[in-house]
Amino acid sequence: MAGMGQLDTVSKWLVLVGGLNWGLVGVGGFAGSDLNVVKLVLGSIAGGAIEKVVYVLVGLSALYMLYGMFGKK
């Protein structure tokens, strides 16, 4: 299918960003600070709505990658 290579690339980047962000959230929790980069960058835009959209896209990307790993025959 056309465009699937691009979808794969975007999904990989979103999952990478999400994983790094959650790693920083964990480290920040131990350090007593908020290291949520997505929230810091996008949290104030549109009342945090764009931040939530990014989280949904990261989750959908993870599901897409799981499907690619286990759903294709």
N, C-alpha and C. Protein backbone atom coordinates (compact mmCIF):
# COMPACT_ATOMS: atom_id res chain seq x y z
N MET A 1 0.83 -1.18 0.00
CA MET A 1 0.00 0.00 0.00
C MET A 1 0.88 1.25 0.00
N ALA A 2 0.46 2.23 -0.73
CA ALA A 2 1.22 3.47 -0.80
C ALA A 2 1.12 4.21 0.53
N GLY A 3 2.23 4.77 0.96
CA GLY A 3 2.24 5.56 2.19
C GLY A 3 2.47 4.76 3.45
N MET A 4 2.50 3.45 3.38
CA MET A 4 2.70 2.65 4.57
C MET A 4 4.09 2.84 5.14
N GLY A 5 5.08 3.08 4.29
CA GLY A 5 6.42 3.34 4.77
C GLY A 5 6.46 4.61 5.61
N GLN A 6 5.73 5.62 5.17
CA GLN A 6 5.66 6.88 5.92
C GLN A 6 4.93 6.68 7.24
N LEU A 7 3.86 5.90 7.22
CA LEU A 7 3.12 5.62 8.45
C LEU A 7 3.99 4.86 9.43
N ASP A 8 4.77 3.91 8.93
CA ASP A 8 5.70 3.18 9.79
C ASP A 8 6.71 4.13 10.42
N THR A 9 7.27 5.03 9.63
CA THR A 9 8.27 5.97 10.13
C THR A 9 7.68 6.91 11.17
N VAL A 10 6.51 7.47 10.89
CA VAL A 10 5.87 8.38 11.84
C VAL A 10 5.54 7.64 13.13
N SER A 11 5.04 6.42 13.01
CA SER A 11 4.70 5.64 14.20
C SER A 11 5.93 5.35 15.04
N LYS A 12 7.03 5.01 14.40
CA LYS A 12 8.26 4.74 15.14
C LYS A 12 8.73 5.98 15.89
N TRP A 13 8.68 7.13 15.24
CA TRP A 13 9.10 8.36 15.89
C TRP A 13 8.20 8.73 17.06
N LEU A 14 6.89 8.57 16.87
CA LEU A 14 5.96 8.90 17.96
C LEU A 14 6.15 7.97 19.16
N VAL A 15 6.36 6.68 18.90
CA VAL A 15 6.59 5.74 20.00
C VAL A 15 7.92 6.05 20.68
N LEU A 16 8.93 6.42 19.92
CA LEU A 16 10.22 6.79 20.50
C LEU A 16 10.07 8.03 21.39
N VAL A 17 9.39 9.05 20.89
CA VAL A 17 9.17 10.26 21.68
C VAL A 17 8.38 9.92 22.95
N GLY A 18 7.34 9.11 22.81
CA GLY A 18 6.53 8.73 23.97
C GLY A 18 7.33 7.95 24.99
N GLY A 19 8.15 7.02 24.53
CA GLY A 19 8.96 6.23 25.45
C GLY A 19 9.98 7.08 26.19
N LEU A 20 10.64 7.97 25.46
CA LEU A 20 11.60 8.87 26.10
C LEU A 20 10.91 9.80 27.09
N ASN A 21 9.74 10.29 26.71
CA ASN A 21 8.99 11.17 27.60
C ASN A 21 8.64 10.46 28.90
N TRP A 22 8.12 9.23 28.80
CA TRP A 22 7.75 8.50 30.02
C TRP A 22 8.97 8.14 30.84
N GLY A 23 10.10 7.89 30.19
CA GLY A 23 11.34 7.67 30.93
C GLY A 23 11.73 8.90 31.73
N LEU A 24 11.60 10.07 31.11
CA LEU A 24 11.91 11.32 31.81
C LEU A 24 10.91 11.59 32.92
N VAL A 25 9.64 11.24 32.72
CA VAL A 25 8.63 11.41 33.78
C VAL A 25 9.04 10.56 34.99
N GLY A 26 9.50 9.33 34.73
CA GLY A 26 9.94 8.47 35.83
C GLY A 26 11.15 9.01 36.55
N VAL A 27 12.14 9.45 35.79
CA VAL A 27 13.35 10.04 36.39
C VAL A 27 12.98 11.30 37.17
N GLY A 28 12.11 12.11 36.60
CA GLY A 28 11.67 13.33 37.29
C GLY A 28 10.95 13.03 38.58
N GLY A 29 10.20 11.92 38.59
CA GLY A 29 9.52 11.53 39.82
C GLY A 29 10.50 11.22 40.93
N PHE A 30 11.60 10.56 40.59
CA PHE A 30 12.63 10.28 41.59
C PHE A 30 13.35 11.55 42.01
N ALA A 31 13.51 12.48 41.07
CA ALA A 31 14.25 13.71 41.35
C ALA A 31 13.36 14.79 41.97
N GLY A 32 12.06 14.55 42.03
CA GLY A 32 11.15 15.52 42.62
C GLY A 32 10.78 16.66 41.70
N SER A 33 10.85 16.43 40.39
CA SER A 33 10.48 17.48 39.45
C SER A 33 9.64 16.89 38.32
N ASP A 34 9.03 17.77 37.53
CA ASP A 34 8.19 17.33 36.42
C ASP A 34 9.00 17.45 35.13
N LEU A 35 9.44 16.31 34.60
CA LEU A 35 10.22 16.31 33.36
C LEU A 35 9.40 15.84 32.17
N ASN A 36 8.09 16.06 32.21
CA ASN A 36 7.21 15.69 31.11
C ASN A 36 7.41 16.70 29.98
N VAL A 37 8.23 16.33 29.00
CA VAL A 37 8.61 17.24 27.93
C VAL A 37 7.40 17.62 27.07
N VAL A 38 6.53 16.67 26.79
CA VAL A 38 5.34 16.96 25.97
C VAL A 38 4.48 18.00 26.67
N LYS A 39 4.30 17.83 27.96
CA LYS A 39 3.49 18.80 28.72
C LYS A 39 4.18 20.16 28.76
N LEU A 40 5.50 20.17 28.95
CA LEU A 40 6.23 21.44 29.00
C LEU A 40 6.15 22.18 27.68
N VAL A 41 6.23 21.44 26.56
CA VAL A 41 6.24 22.08 25.25
C VAL A 41 4.83 22.42 24.77
N LEU A 42 3.89 21.50 24.97
CA LEU A 42 2.56 21.66 24.37
C LEU A 42 1.43 21.90 25.37
N GLY A 43 1.71 21.81 26.65
CA GLY A 43 0.66 21.88 27.67
C GLY A 43 -0.11 23.18 27.71
N SER A 44 0.54 24.28 27.39
CA SER A 44 -0.15 25.57 27.48
C SER A 44 -0.90 25.93 26.20
N ILE A 45 -0.68 25.16 25.13
CA ILE A 45 -1.33 25.47 23.86
C ILE A 45 -2.74 24.87 23.86
N ALA A 46 -3.72 25.70 23.59
CA ALA A 46 -5.13 25.29 23.49
C ALA A 46 -5.59 24.57 24.75
N GLY A 47 -5.14 25.04 25.90
CA GLY A 47 -5.60 24.48 27.16
C GLY A 47 -5.17 23.03 27.37
N GLY A 48 -4.09 22.62 26.76
CA GLY A 48 -3.60 21.26 26.91
C GLY A 48 -4.21 20.27 25.94
N ALA A 49 -5.08 20.74 25.06
CA ALA A 49 -5.75 19.83 24.12
C ALA A 49 -4.76 19.20 23.14
N ILE A 50 -3.78 19.96 22.69
CA ILE A 50 -2.80 19.42 21.74
C ILE A 50 -1.94 18.37 22.43
N GLU A 51 -1.61 18.59 23.71
CA GLU A 51 -0.87 17.60 24.49
C GLU A 51 -1.63 16.27 24.51
N LYS A 52 -2.92 16.32 24.73
CA LYS A 52 -3.74 15.10 24.77
C LYS A 52 -3.78 14.42 23.40
N VAL A 53 -3.84 15.21 22.34
CA VAL A 53 -3.83 14.66 20.98
C VAL A 53 -2.51 13.92 20.74
N VAL A 54 -1.40 14.50 21.19
CA VAL A 54 -0.10 13.84 21.03
C VAL A 54 -0.10 12.51 21.76
N TYR A 55 -0.63 12.47 22.99
CA TYR A 55 -0.68 11.22 23.74
C TYR A 55 -1.53 10.17 23.03
N VAL A 56 -2.65 10.59 22.46
CA VAL A 56 -3.51 9.65 21.71
C VAL A 56 -2.76 9.13 20.48
N LEU A 57 -2.06 10.00 19.78
CA LEU A 57 -1.30 9.58 18.60
C LEU A 57 -0.18 8.62 18.98
N VAL A 58 0.47 8.86 20.11
CA VAL A 58 1.51 7.94 20.58
C VAL A 58 0.90 6.57 20.88
N GLY A 59 -0.23 6.55 21.54
CA GLY A 59 -0.91 5.29 21.84
C GLY A 59 -1.35 4.55 20.59
N LEU A 60 -1.91 5.27 19.64
CA LEU A 60 -2.32 4.65 18.38
C LEU A 60 -1.11 4.12 17.62
N SER A 61 -0.01 4.84 17.69
CA SER A 61 1.22 4.39 17.03
C SER A 61 1.72 3.10 17.65
N ALA A 62 1.64 3.00 18.96
CA ALA A 62 2.06 1.78 19.64
C ALA A 62 1.17 0.60 19.22
N LEU A 63 -0.12 0.83 19.13
CA LEU A 63 -1.03 -0.24 18.69
C LEU A 63 -0.73 -0.64 17.25
N TYR A 64 -0.45 0.33 16.41
CA TYR A 64 -0.09 0.05 15.02
C TYR A 64 1.18 -0.79 14.94
N MET A 65 2.16 -0.45 15.77
CA MET A 65 3.40 -1.21 15.77
C MET A 65 3.19 -2.62 16.31
N LEU A 66 2.34 -2.76 17.32
CA LEU A 66 2.01 -4.11 17.82
C LEU A 66 1.34 -4.93 16.76
N TYR A 67 0.43 -4.32 16.02
CA TYR A 67 -0.23 -5.02 14.93
C TYR A 67 0.79 -5.46 13.89
N GLY A 68 1.74 -4.59 13.60
CA GLY A 68 2.79 -4.93 12.64
C GLY A 68 3.67 -6.07 13.11
N MET A 69 3.88 -6.15 14.41
CA MET A 69 4.73 -7.21 14.96
C MET A 69 4.00 -8.55 15.03
N PHE A 70 2.73 -8.52 15.43
CA PHE A 70 2.02 -9.77 15.72
C PHE A 70 0.82 -10.03 14.84
N GLY A 71 0.30 -9.00 14.15
CA GLY A 71 -0.93 -9.17 13.40
C GLY A 71 -0.75 -9.58 11.96
N LYS A 72 0.39 -9.28 11.38
CA LYS A 72 0.63 -9.61 9.97
C LYS A 72 1.06 -11.05 9.85
N LYS A 73 0.59 -11.69 8.82
CA LYS A 73 0.96 -13.10 8.59
C LYS A 73 1.75 -13.22 7.33
